[in-house]
N, C-alpha and C. Protein backbone atom coordinates (compact mmCIF):
# COMPACT_ATOMS: atom_id res chain seq x y z
N MET A 1 0.89 -1.43 0.00
CA MET A 1 -0.10 0.18 0.13
C MET A 1 0.86 1.23 -0.05
N SER A 2 0.53 2.17 -0.73
CA SER A 2 1.22 3.45 -0.84
C SER A 2 1.20 4.17 0.63
N THR A 3 2.35 5.12 0.95
CA THR A 3 2.54 5.65 1.82
C THR A 3 2.54 7.23 1.51
N ASN A 4 2.59 7.28 0.12
CA ASN A 4 2.95 8.86 -0.63
C ASN A 4 1.72 9.64 -0.31
N LYS A 5 2.15 10.78 0.06
CA LYS A 5 0.83 11.94 -0.11
C LYS A 5 1.34 12.94 -1.16
N ILE A 6 0.28 13.40 -1.73
CA ILE A 6 0.49 14.33 -2.87
C ILE A 6 -0.11 15.60 -2.77
N HIS A 7 0.34 16.78 -2.60
CA HIS A 7 0.09 18.13 -2.24
C HIS A 7 0.08 18.76 -3.65
N TRP A 8 -1.00 19.40 -4.13
CA TRP A 8 -0.94 20.23 -5.39
C TRP A 8 -0.66 21.96 -4.55
N LEU A 9 0.44 22.38 -4.95
CA LEU A 9 0.71 23.76 -4.43
C LEU A 9 0.26 24.89 -5.32
N GLY A 10 -0.54 24.68 -6.38
CA GLY A 10 -0.77 25.46 -7.22
C GLY A 10 -0.24 25.56 -8.77
N HIS A 11 -0.90 26.00 -9.82
CA HIS A 11 -0.32 25.83 -11.10
C HIS A 11 0.01 24.54 -11.25
N ALA A 12 1.27 24.59 -11.83
CA ALA A 12 2.00 23.04 -11.70
C ALA A 12 3.09 22.58 -10.83
N SER A 13 2.71 23.06 -9.70
CA SER A 13 3.77 22.64 -8.38
C SER A 13 3.13 21.70 -7.72
N ILE A 14 3.94 20.49 -7.10
CA ILE A 14 3.73 19.38 -6.52
C ILE A 14 4.49 19.18 -5.49
N ARG A 15 4.08 18.81 -4.25
CA ARG A 15 5.22 18.11 -3.36
C ARG A 15 4.48 16.78 -3.11
N ILE A 16 5.37 15.83 -3.05
CA ILE A 16 5.26 14.45 -2.47
C ILE A 16 5.86 14.12 -1.23
N GLU A 17 4.97 13.52 -0.24
CA GLU A 17 5.81 13.19 1.06
C GLU A 17 5.50 11.58 0.97
N GLY A 18 6.52 11.03 1.39
CA GLY A 18 6.73 9.73 1.56
C GLY A 18 7.96 9.31 1.95
N GLU A 19 8.82 8.34 1.20
CA GLU A 19 10.09 7.84 1.65
C GLU A 19 10.96 9.43 1.81
N LYS A 20 10.99 10.35 1.10
CA LYS A 20 11.60 11.26 0.74
C LYS A 20 10.39 12.56 0.47
N VAL A 21 10.92 13.82 0.67
CA VAL A 21 10.00 14.91 0.43
C VAL A 21 10.43 15.30 -0.73
N ILE A 22 9.79 15.37 -1.70
CA ILE A 22 9.86 15.81 -3.25
C ILE A 22 9.07 16.84 -3.77
N TYR A 23 9.76 17.85 -4.24
CA TYR A 23 9.21 19.06 -5.01
C TYR A 23 9.22 18.77 -6.44
N ILE A 24 8.21 19.15 -7.17
CA ILE A 24 8.39 19.26 -8.70
C ILE A 24 7.92 20.56 -9.17
N ASP A 25 8.65 21.33 -9.80
CA ASP A 25 8.46 22.56 -10.10
C ASP A 25 8.03 23.50 -9.37
N PRO A 26 8.69 23.77 -8.12
CA PRO A 26 8.24 24.67 -7.18
C PRO A 26 7.98 26.11 -7.77
N TRP A 27 6.65 26.77 -7.20
CA TRP A 27 6.56 28.26 -7.80
C TRP A 27 5.54 28.88 -6.93
N LYS A 28 5.84 30.17 -6.27
CA LYS A 28 4.90 30.88 -5.62
C LYS A 28 4.55 29.91 -4.51
N LEU A 29 5.82 29.64 -3.77
CA LEU A 29 5.53 28.94 -2.74
C LEU A 29 5.34 29.65 -1.45
N GLN A 30 4.53 29.34 -0.24
CA GLN A 30 4.30 30.10 0.96
C GLN A 30 5.62 29.77 1.65
N ASP A 31 6.00 30.30 2.96
CA ASP A 31 7.30 30.32 3.71
C ASP A 31 7.45 29.21 4.44
N ASN A 32 6.33 28.60 4.55
CA ASN A 32 6.06 27.24 5.67
C ASN A 32 6.24 25.87 5.09
N HIS A 33 6.78 25.69 4.09
CA HIS A 33 6.68 24.40 3.48
C HIS A 33 7.88 23.65 3.91
N PRO A 34 7.69 22.24 4.20
CA PRO A 34 8.74 21.34 4.50
C PRO A 34 9.90 21.59 3.41
N LYS A 35 10.98 21.26 3.81
CA LYS A 35 12.25 21.43 3.22
C LYS A 35 12.21 20.14 2.09
N ALA A 36 12.91 20.21 1.42
CA ALA A 36 13.00 19.21 0.22
C ALA A 36 14.01 18.19 0.49
N ASP A 37 14.04 16.85 0.52
CA ASP A 37 15.13 15.93 0.16
C ASP A 37 15.57 16.07 -1.31
N ILE A 38 14.38 15.99 -2.40
CA ILE A 38 14.68 16.21 -3.60
C ILE A 38 13.65 17.48 -4.47
N ILE A 39 14.36 18.00 -5.43
CA ILE A 39 13.74 19.01 -6.24
C ILE A 39 13.91 18.39 -7.63
N LEU A 40 12.84 18.25 -8.35
CA LEU A 40 12.74 17.88 -9.73
C LEU A 40 12.23 19.06 -10.60
N ILE A 41 12.96 19.58 -11.66
CA ILE A 41 12.51 20.82 -12.47
C ILE A 41 12.22 20.29 -13.85
N THR A 42 11.33 20.36 -14.43
CA THR A 42 10.85 19.73 -15.50
C THR A 42 11.43 20.79 -16.91
N HIS A 43 11.65 22.13 -16.61
CA HIS A 43 12.22 22.97 -17.95
C HIS A 43 12.43 24.25 -17.29
N SER A 44 12.76 25.38 -18.05
CA SER A 44 13.39 26.65 -17.60
C SER A 44 12.49 27.72 -17.57
N HIS A 45 11.18 27.35 -18.00
CA HIS A 45 10.21 28.51 -17.85
C HIS A 45 9.96 29.25 -16.50
N TYR A 46 9.59 30.39 -16.25
CA TYR A 46 9.91 31.04 -14.84
C TYR A 46 8.90 30.51 -13.90
N ASP A 47 7.80 29.94 -14.25
CA ASP A 47 6.84 29.12 -13.51
C ASP A 47 7.12 28.02 -13.33
N HIS A 48 8.21 27.39 -13.65
CA HIS A 48 8.22 25.77 -13.25
C HIS A 48 9.98 25.97 -12.70
N CYS A 49 10.89 26.81 -13.11
CA CYS A 49 12.19 26.73 -12.58
C CYS A 49 12.40 28.22 -12.02
N SER A 50 12.20 28.11 -10.67
CA SER A 50 12.15 29.52 -9.99
C SER A 50 13.09 29.77 -8.79
N ARG A 51 14.14 30.30 -9.06
CA ARG A 51 15.34 30.80 -8.25
C ARG A 51 14.58 30.84 -6.53
N ASP A 52 13.84 31.92 -6.49
CA ASP A 52 13.31 31.98 -5.20
C ASP A 52 12.65 31.10 -4.50
N ASP A 53 11.70 30.00 -5.22
CA ASP A 53 11.26 29.08 -4.79
C ASP A 53 12.38 27.91 -4.58
N VAL A 54 13.02 27.68 -5.04
CA VAL A 54 14.01 26.78 -4.89
C VAL A 54 14.77 27.06 -3.68
N ALA A 55 14.95 28.29 -3.34
CA ALA A 55 15.83 28.84 -2.03
C ALA A 55 14.88 28.66 -0.81
N LYS A 56 13.64 28.76 -0.68
CA LYS A 56 12.65 28.72 0.07
C LYS A 56 12.78 27.13 1.00
N ILE A 57 13.16 25.94 -0.03
CA ILE A 57 12.83 24.77 0.35
C ILE A 57 14.21 23.77 0.39
N ILE A 58 15.35 24.56 -0.12
CA ILE A 58 16.45 23.86 -0.20
C ILE A 58 17.33 23.68 1.22
N GLN A 59 17.91 22.49 1.50
CA GLN A 59 18.42 22.06 2.62
C GLN A 59 19.85 21.74 2.47
N ASP A 60 20.64 21.48 3.26
CA ASP A 60 21.99 20.46 3.37
C ASP A 60 21.45 19.27 2.76
N GLY A 61 22.19 18.92 1.68
CA GLY A 61 21.86 17.65 1.09
C GLY A 61 20.80 16.97 0.29
N THR A 62 20.01 18.71 -0.20
CA THR A 62 18.92 18.66 -1.17
C THR A 62 19.40 18.20 -2.42
N VAL A 63 18.97 17.22 -3.34
CA VAL A 63 19.38 16.65 -4.44
C VAL A 63 18.48 17.35 -5.93
N ILE A 64 18.98 18.21 -6.40
CA ILE A 64 18.19 18.87 -7.59
C ILE A 64 18.49 18.34 -8.90
N PHE A 65 17.48 17.84 -9.76
CA PHE A 65 17.58 17.37 -11.01
C PHE A 65 16.87 18.45 -12.20
N ALA A 66 17.41 18.65 -13.09
CA ALA A 66 17.07 19.66 -13.95
C ALA A 66 17.65 19.78 -15.60
N PRO A 67 17.11 19.94 -16.52
CA PRO A 67 17.89 20.22 -17.56
C PRO A 67 18.95 21.27 -17.62
N PRO A 68 19.75 21.39 -18.44
CA PRO A 68 20.81 22.24 -18.52
C PRO A 68 20.87 23.58 -18.76
N ASP A 69 19.43 24.15 -19.30
CA ASP A 69 19.19 25.35 -19.49
C ASP A 69 18.34 26.16 -18.36
N CYS A 70 18.44 25.26 -17.28
CA CYS A 70 17.98 25.76 -15.97
C CYS A 70 19.14 26.59 -14.95
N ARG A 71 20.57 26.18 -15.62
CA ARG A 71 21.51 26.29 -14.82
C ARG A 71 21.75 27.74 -13.97
N ASP A 72 21.06 28.82 -14.57
CA ASP A 72 21.21 30.21 -14.08
C ASP A 72 20.45 30.47 -12.96
N ALA A 73 19.25 29.48 -12.61
CA ALA A 73 18.41 29.81 -11.55
C ALA A 73 18.77 28.66 -10.73
N LEU A 74 19.71 27.73 -10.59
CA LEU A 74 19.81 26.95 -9.74
C LEU A 74 21.31 26.91 -9.03
N PRO A 75 21.41 26.06 -8.01
CA PRO A 75 22.67 26.03 -7.29
C PRO A 75 23.56 25.22 -8.20
N PRO A 76 24.77 25.57 -8.40
CA PRO A 76 26.01 24.89 -9.38
C PRO A 76 26.07 23.27 -9.27
N ASP A 77 25.55 22.94 -8.05
CA ASP A 77 25.96 21.57 -7.97
C ASP A 77 24.69 20.57 -8.37
N PHE A 78 23.68 21.18 -9.05
CA PHE A 78 22.55 20.36 -9.34
C PHE A 78 22.84 19.73 -10.69
N GLN A 79 22.14 18.36 -10.66
CA GLN A 79 22.33 17.12 -11.74
C GLN A 79 21.48 17.67 -12.94
N VAL A 80 22.37 17.47 -14.10
CA VAL A 80 21.78 17.78 -15.23
C VAL A 80 21.11 16.50 -15.72
N VAL A 81 19.76 16.66 -16.39
CA VAL A 81 19.16 15.59 -17.14
C VAL A 81 18.52 15.78 -18.64
N ALA A 82 18.44 14.92 -19.33
CA ALA A 82 17.86 14.59 -20.34
C ALA A 82 16.85 13.57 -20.39
N PRO A 83 16.01 13.41 -21.63
CA PRO A 83 14.90 12.34 -21.38
C PRO A 83 15.75 11.02 -21.56
N GLY A 84 15.15 10.03 -20.96
CA GLY A 84 15.65 8.80 -21.22
C GLY A 84 16.61 8.34 -20.07
N GLU A 85 16.86 9.08 -18.93
CA GLU A 85 17.82 8.76 -18.09
C GLU A 85 17.28 8.10 -16.70
N GLU A 86 17.84 7.51 -16.22
CA GLU A 86 17.55 7.15 -14.76
C GLU A 86 18.59 7.29 -13.69
N LYS A 87 17.87 7.87 -12.68
CA LYS A 87 18.71 8.42 -11.51
C LYS A 87 18.21 7.62 -10.24
N ILE A 88 19.37 7.33 -9.36
CA ILE A 88 18.66 6.67 -8.07
C ILE A 88 19.56 7.61 -7.05
N VAL A 89 18.66 7.93 -5.82
CA VAL A 89 18.66 8.75 -4.75
C VAL A 89 18.52 7.66 -3.37
N ASP A 90 19.50 7.54 -2.97
CA ASP A 90 19.03 6.52 -1.55
C ASP A 90 18.20 5.22 -2.04
N GLY A 91 18.40 4.79 -2.91
CA GLY A 91 17.75 3.45 -3.50
C GLY A 91 16.27 3.95 -4.17
N LEU A 92 15.76 5.13 -4.37
CA LEU A 92 14.58 6.01 -5.00
C LEU A 92 14.89 5.85 -6.34
N VAL A 93 14.11 5.37 -7.02
CA VAL A 93 14.39 5.52 -8.65
C VAL A 93 13.58 6.72 -9.27
N ILE A 94 14.28 7.42 -10.12
CA ILE A 94 13.48 8.79 -10.83
C ILE A 94 14.14 8.51 -12.34
N ARG A 95 12.99 8.38 -12.91
CA ARG A 95 13.14 8.31 -14.61
C ARG A 95 12.74 9.49 -15.34
N THR A 96 13.28 9.94 -16.15
CA THR A 96 13.16 11.03 -17.11
C THR A 96 12.51 10.61 -18.39
N VAL A 97 11.40 11.25 -18.94
CA VAL A 97 10.79 11.02 -19.88
C VAL A 97 10.55 12.51 -20.90
N PRO A 98 10.65 12.29 -22.08
CA PRO A 98 10.43 13.48 -22.88
C PRO A 98 9.06 14.42 -22.47
N ALA A 99 8.83 15.41 -22.73
CA ALA A 99 7.99 16.47 -22.56
C ALA A 99 7.84 17.65 -23.71
N TYR A 100 7.01 17.30 -24.51
CA TYR A 100 7.05 18.42 -25.60
C TYR A 100 5.76 18.75 -26.04
N ASN A 101 5.54 19.87 -27.17
CA ASN A 101 4.51 20.15 -27.61
C ASN A 101 4.46 19.41 -28.77
N ILE A 102 3.12 19.37 -29.66
CA ILE A 102 3.12 18.94 -30.90
C ILE A 102 2.14 20.05 -31.55
N GLY A 103 2.84 20.54 -32.78
CA GLY A 103 1.86 21.59 -33.29
C GLY A 103 1.66 22.77 -32.63
N LYS A 104 2.79 23.18 -31.52
CA LYS A 104 2.67 24.55 -31.17
C LYS A 104 4.50 24.62 -30.82
N HIS A 105 4.50 25.76 -30.14
CA HIS A 105 6.03 26.34 -30.48
C HIS A 105 6.76 26.47 -28.85
N PHE A 106 5.69 26.26 -27.86
CA PHE A 106 6.16 26.85 -26.38
C PHE A 106 7.18 25.57 -26.01
N HIS A 107 7.14 24.65 -26.06
CA HIS A 107 7.75 23.35 -25.62
C HIS A 107 8.49 22.63 -26.80
N PRO A 108 9.49 22.87 -27.43
CA PRO A 108 10.00 22.29 -28.52
C PRO A 108 10.56 20.86 -28.04
N ARG A 109 10.23 19.89 -28.88
CA ARG A 109 11.12 18.47 -28.53
C ARG A 109 12.55 18.75 -28.53
N ALA A 110 13.06 19.52 -29.56
CA ALA A 110 14.69 19.67 -29.33
C ALA A 110 15.30 20.15 -28.34
N ASN A 111 14.45 21.12 -27.36
CA ASN A 111 14.75 21.46 -26.04
C ASN A 111 15.21 20.46 -25.12
N GLU A 112 14.70 19.11 -25.18
CA GLU A 112 14.61 17.73 -24.46
C GLU A 112 14.57 18.17 -23.20
N TRP A 113 13.37 19.07 -22.93
CA TRP A 113 12.87 19.23 -21.54
C TRP A 113 12.07 17.74 -21.13
N VAL A 114 11.84 17.66 -19.89
CA VAL A 114 11.26 16.41 -19.22
C VAL A 114 10.03 16.46 -18.41
N GLY A 115 9.62 14.88 -18.41
CA GLY A 115 8.77 14.72 -17.20
C GLY A 115 9.57 13.70 -16.56
N TYR A 116 8.91 13.39 -15.08
CA TYR A 116 9.65 12.24 -14.46
C TYR A 116 8.68 11.45 -13.96
N ILE A 117 9.26 9.87 -13.94
CA ILE A 117 8.42 8.96 -13.22
C ILE A 117 9.28 8.29 -11.94
N ILE A 118 8.55 8.62 -10.95
CA ILE A 118 9.06 8.49 -9.55
C ILE A 118 8.62 7.12 -8.92
N GLU A 119 9.60 5.92 -8.57
CA GLU A 119 9.31 4.77 -8.03
C GLU A 119 9.57 5.18 -6.24
N MET A 120 8.53 5.02 -5.71
CA MET A 120 8.28 5.54 -4.34
C MET A 120 7.06 4.70 -3.63
N GLY A 121 7.34 4.29 -2.49
CA GLY A 121 6.17 3.76 -1.74
C GLY A 121 5.42 2.51 -2.44
N GLY A 122 6.26 1.94 -3.40
CA GLY A 122 5.53 0.88 -4.34
C GLY A 122 4.60 1.30 -5.33
N GLU A 123 4.69 2.75 -5.63
CA GLU A 123 4.37 3.08 -6.78
C GLU A 123 4.83 4.06 -7.91
N ARG A 124 4.58 3.87 -8.89
CA ARG A 124 5.20 4.64 -10.07
C ARG A 124 4.20 6.20 -10.10
N ILE A 125 5.01 7.07 -9.84
CA ILE A 125 4.05 8.39 -10.18
C ILE A 125 4.83 8.85 -11.19
N TYR A 126 4.01 9.41 -12.26
CA TYR A 126 4.25 9.84 -13.60
C TYR A 126 4.09 11.28 -13.47
N PHE A 127 4.97 12.34 -13.30
CA PHE A 127 4.51 13.83 -13.52
C PHE A 127 4.76 14.04 -14.93
N VAL A 128 3.86 14.42 -15.77
CA VAL A 128 3.93 14.78 -17.34
C VAL A 128 4.91 15.77 -17.63
N GLY A 129 4.77 16.91 -16.88
CA GLY A 129 5.41 17.93 -17.35
C GLY A 129 4.55 18.85 -18.29
N ASP A 130 5.28 19.86 -18.58
CA ASP A 130 4.55 20.90 -19.79
C ASP A 130 4.53 19.87 -21.34
N SER A 131 3.51 19.29 -21.65
CA SER A 131 3.49 18.41 -22.73
C SER A 131 2.52 18.32 -23.20
N ASP A 132 2.27 17.71 -24.83
CA ASP A 132 1.00 17.63 -25.37
C ASP A 132 0.87 15.88 -24.93
N TYR A 133 -0.15 15.30 -25.73
CA TYR A 133 -0.20 13.98 -25.49
C TYR A 133 0.52 13.34 -26.71
N ILE A 134 1.94 12.88 -26.05
CA ILE A 134 2.89 12.77 -27.23
C ILE A 134 2.89 11.08 -27.52
N PRO A 135 3.49 10.62 -28.51
CA PRO A 135 3.34 9.11 -28.58
C PRO A 135 4.40 8.34 -27.44
N GLU A 136 5.27 8.78 -26.97
CA GLU A 136 5.87 8.27 -25.85
C GLU A 136 5.24 7.66 -24.90
N MET A 137 3.87 8.29 -24.77
CA MET A 137 3.08 7.91 -23.60
C MET A 137 2.52 6.84 -23.90
N ASP A 138 2.10 6.35 -24.74
CA ASP A 138 1.68 4.87 -25.16
C ASP A 138 2.25 4.10 -24.44
N ASP A 139 3.79 4.33 -24.25
CA ASP A 139 4.56 2.75 -23.46
C ASP A 139 4.89 3.00 -21.94
N ILE A 140 4.27 4.20 -21.42
CA ILE A 140 4.49 4.59 -20.27
C ILE A 140 3.43 3.81 -19.28
N SER A 141 3.66 3.12 -17.99
CA SER A 141 2.68 2.66 -17.27
C SER A 141 2.88 3.43 -16.00
N ALA A 142 2.09 3.79 -15.32
CA ALA A 142 1.81 4.51 -14.16
C ALA A 142 0.65 4.18 -12.81
N ASP A 143 0.95 4.14 -11.68
CA ASP A 143 -0.09 3.94 -10.73
C ASP A 143 -0.87 5.16 -10.61
N ILE A 144 -0.08 6.27 -10.39
CA ILE A 144 -0.37 7.77 -10.48
C ILE A 144 -0.10 8.64 -11.47
N LEU A 145 -0.91 9.52 -12.06
CA LEU A 145 -0.61 10.44 -13.06
C LEU A 145 -1.06 11.70 -12.73
N ILE A 146 -0.06 12.58 -12.78
CA ILE A 146 -0.15 14.04 -12.45
C ILE A 146 -0.04 14.78 -14.14
N ILE A 147 -0.99 15.13 -14.36
CA ILE A 147 -1.19 15.63 -15.68
C ILE A 147 -1.53 17.24 -16.14
N PRO A 148 -1.13 17.98 -16.86
CA PRO A 148 -1.82 19.25 -17.10
C PRO A 148 -2.89 18.84 -17.94
N VAL A 149 -3.81 20.14 -17.60
CA VAL A 149 -5.16 20.11 -18.43
C VAL A 149 -5.58 21.51 -18.75
N GLY A 150 -4.88 22.56 -18.67
CA GLY A 150 -5.32 23.80 -18.73
C GLY A 150 -5.02 24.15 -20.36
N GLY A 151 -4.59 23.68 -21.11
CA GLY A 151 -4.67 23.88 -22.59
C GLY A 151 -3.66 25.28 -22.75
N THR A 152 -3.60 25.83 -24.12
CA THR A 152 -2.78 26.82 -24.70
C THR A 152 -1.21 26.28 -24.77
N TYR A 153 -0.69 26.07 -23.61
CA TYR A 153 0.69 25.64 -23.45
C TYR A 153 1.03 24.29 -23.17
N THR A 154 0.00 23.22 -23.01
CA THR A 154 0.08 22.08 -22.71
C THR A 154 -1.14 21.33 -23.44
N MET A 155 -1.51 20.21 -23.19
CA MET A 155 -2.74 19.81 -23.56
C MET A 155 -4.00 20.09 -23.05
N THR A 156 -4.77 20.22 -23.60
CA THR A 156 -6.36 20.31 -23.10
C THR A 156 -7.00 19.21 -22.26
N ALA A 157 -8.28 19.68 -21.60
CA ALA A 157 -8.73 18.45 -20.85
C ALA A 157 -8.85 17.15 -21.68
N ASP A 158 -9.53 17.47 -23.01
CA ASP A 158 -9.92 16.43 -23.88
C ASP A 158 -8.58 15.49 -24.06
N GLU A 159 -7.57 16.19 -24.55
CA GLU A 159 -6.12 15.63 -24.86
C GLU A 159 -5.55 14.90 -23.60
N ALA A 160 -5.70 15.36 -22.33
CA ALA A 160 -5.31 14.87 -21.18
C ALA A 160 -6.14 13.39 -20.81
N ALA A 161 -7.55 13.48 -21.00
CA ALA A 161 -8.19 12.51 -20.87
C ALA A 161 -7.89 11.21 -21.78
N GLN A 162 -7.46 11.77 -23.14
CA GLN A 162 -7.05 10.60 -23.76
C GLN A 162 -5.83 9.69 -23.38
N ALA A 163 -4.90 10.91 -22.91
CA ALA A 163 -3.79 10.20 -22.56
C ALA A 163 -3.94 9.55 -21.36
N ALA A 164 -4.81 9.96 -20.32
CA ALA A 164 -5.09 9.07 -19.11
C ALA A 164 -5.58 7.69 -19.43
N ASN A 165 -6.71 7.74 -20.56
CA ASN A 165 -7.30 6.67 -20.97
C ASN A 165 -6.20 5.60 -21.60
N GLN A 166 -5.24 5.97 -21.88
CA GLN A 166 -4.31 5.26 -22.58
C GLN A 166 -3.55 4.75 -21.32
N ILE A 167 -2.93 5.47 -20.60
CA ILE A 167 -2.07 4.92 -19.71
C ILE A 167 -2.56 4.16 -18.54
N LYS A 168 -3.75 4.50 -18.15
CA LYS A 168 -4.58 3.61 -17.24
C LYS A 168 -4.12 3.62 -15.60
N PRO A 169 -3.68 4.78 -15.34
CA PRO A 169 -3.38 4.79 -13.69
C PRO A 169 -4.41 4.45 -12.89
N ARG A 170 -4.30 4.14 -11.64
CA ARG A 170 -5.15 4.00 -10.76
C ARG A 170 -5.72 5.36 -10.45
N LEU A 171 -5.22 6.35 -10.39
CA LEU A 171 -5.62 7.62 -9.88
C LEU A 171 -4.97 8.57 -11.00
N ALA A 172 -5.52 9.84 -11.34
CA ALA A 172 -4.86 10.79 -12.40
C ALA A 172 -5.26 12.09 -11.39
N ILE A 173 -4.81 12.94 -11.52
CA ILE A 173 -4.54 14.07 -10.66
C ILE A 173 -4.22 15.53 -11.75
N PRO A 174 -5.36 16.11 -12.10
CA PRO A 174 -4.96 17.33 -13.18
C PRO A 174 -4.29 18.53 -12.53
N ILE A 175 -3.33 19.25 -12.94
CA ILE A 175 -2.69 20.56 -12.85
C ILE A 175 -2.65 21.62 -13.89
N HIS A 176 -1.76 22.29 -13.69
CA HIS A 176 -1.69 23.46 -14.78
C HIS A 176 -2.88 23.91 -15.26
N PHE A 177 -3.59 24.47 -14.21
CA PHE A 177 -4.84 25.39 -14.53
C PHE A 177 -5.04 25.98 -12.96
N GLY A 178 -5.57 27.32 -13.48
CA GLY A 178 -6.06 28.18 -12.31
C GLY A 178 -5.25 29.18 -11.86
N SER A 179 -4.06 29.30 -12.60
CA SER A 179 -3.15 30.55 -12.40
C SER A 179 -3.00 30.97 -13.73
N VAL A 180 -1.71 30.76 -14.45
CA VAL A 180 -1.31 31.29 -15.67
C VAL A 180 -2.33 30.82 -16.69
N VAL A 181 -2.72 29.57 -16.59
CA VAL A 181 -3.79 29.56 -17.71
C VAL A 181 -4.90 28.12 -17.24
N GLY A 182 -6.06 28.35 -17.87
CA GLY A 182 -6.88 27.16 -17.47
C GLY A 182 -7.72 27.71 -16.40
N SER A 183 -8.54 26.77 -15.95
CA SER A 183 -9.45 26.98 -14.82
C SER A 183 -9.83 25.81 -14.08
N ARG A 184 -10.81 25.46 -13.16
CA ARG A 184 -11.32 24.42 -12.69
C ARG A 184 -12.34 23.61 -13.53
N ILE A 185 -12.80 24.52 -14.55
CA ILE A 185 -13.70 23.93 -15.59
C ILE A 185 -12.89 22.82 -16.48
N ASP A 186 -11.97 23.31 -16.71
CA ASP A 186 -10.61 22.22 -17.46
C ASP A 186 -10.73 20.99 -16.52
N ALA A 187 -10.38 21.09 -15.26
CA ALA A 187 -10.32 20.00 -14.54
C ALA A 187 -11.33 19.09 -14.31
N ASP A 188 -12.50 19.95 -14.24
CA ASP A 188 -13.73 19.02 -14.09
C ASP A 188 -14.15 18.58 -15.56
N LYS A 189 -13.77 18.97 -16.55
CA LYS A 189 -13.84 18.59 -17.94
C LYS A 189 -13.09 17.09 -17.93
N PHE A 190 -11.88 17.44 -17.39
CA PHE A 190 -11.06 16.42 -17.49
C PHE A 190 -11.49 15.13 -16.87
N LYS A 191 -12.10 15.19 -15.60
CA LYS A 191 -12.74 14.27 -14.72
C LYS A 191 -14.00 13.62 -15.43
N GLU A 192 -14.40 14.50 -16.07
CA GLU A 192 -15.62 13.80 -16.96
C GLU A 192 -15.52 13.01 -17.92
N LEU A 193 -14.42 13.44 -18.62
CA LEU A 193 -14.05 12.42 -20.02
C LEU A 193 -13.10 11.37 -19.39
N SER A 194 -12.59 11.35 -18.22
CA SER A 194 -11.32 10.30 -17.98
C SER A 194 -12.19 9.16 -17.59
N GLN A 195 -11.71 7.89 -17.96
CA GLN A 195 -12.15 6.51 -17.83
C GLN A 195 -11.46 5.88 -16.59
N VAL A 196 -10.75 6.86 -15.89
CA VAL A 196 -9.84 6.29 -14.70
C VAL A 196 -10.40 7.45 -13.61
N PRO A 197 -10.08 6.79 -12.50
CA PRO A 197 -10.42 7.69 -11.41
C PRO A 197 -9.64 8.98 -11.21
N VAL A 198 -10.44 9.93 -11.02
CA VAL A 198 -9.55 11.41 -10.97
C VAL A 198 -9.78 11.72 -9.49
N GLU A 199 -8.64 12.70 -8.93
CA GLU A 199 -9.22 13.57 -7.89
C GLU A 199 -8.72 14.76 -8.25
N ILE A 200 -9.23 15.92 -8.08
CA ILE A 200 -8.85 17.45 -8.05
C ILE A 200 -8.48 17.74 -6.91
N LEU A 201 -7.17 17.90 -6.52
CA LEU A 201 -6.67 18.33 -5.26
C LEU A 201 -7.04 19.81 -5.09
N PRO A 202 -7.14 20.02 -3.51
CA PRO A 202 -7.21 21.28 -3.11
C PRO A 202 -5.78 21.87 -3.31
N GLU A 203 -5.87 23.55 -3.84
CA GLU A 203 -4.56 24.05 -3.68
C GLU A 203 -4.06 24.40 -2.46
N GLU A 204 -2.78 24.11 -1.95
CA GLU A 204 -2.57 24.50 -0.92
C GLU A 204 -1.37 25.77 -0.67
């Protein structure tokens, strides 16, 4: 049984509490969040790679993974990643997968930005990143899917539901709405169209 607890911190920011405290794309954090064991950054856009927010949660020993173009916003000892890699931190397995747009220019495939698959607490948690429904997703299996639904820069609710229905997690969690783009309507539509269980988390 999973012991992981997932918190939605608004927009595309997530904290996972389990064997480790993991933040993904921390942005606009309050000052009272727990410190991070691991920070995962998907790409260099300001609302995903934020120097100020990383500074709020970093501590001695925090491990940071990010694509190389995040270099200016992160401590110099962060670990560079590209799609298709596997990293192990104290026995915890983190895999990088592609995240990109099809037919729009915001997140080019050539940038080699990433999503993450985290194996923790007996579960595979797939954080999609800023992506459309891309062919690589057809080969991904996950227990928990954390997926953008707000459209414009990422997939729409309809496209996200298609991806969720293909991946078939036990639970899907919509993000990337309610701030920069998208609204609760998108999350509700995603839930309506998905053939898998969906939980719309409260923003913390």
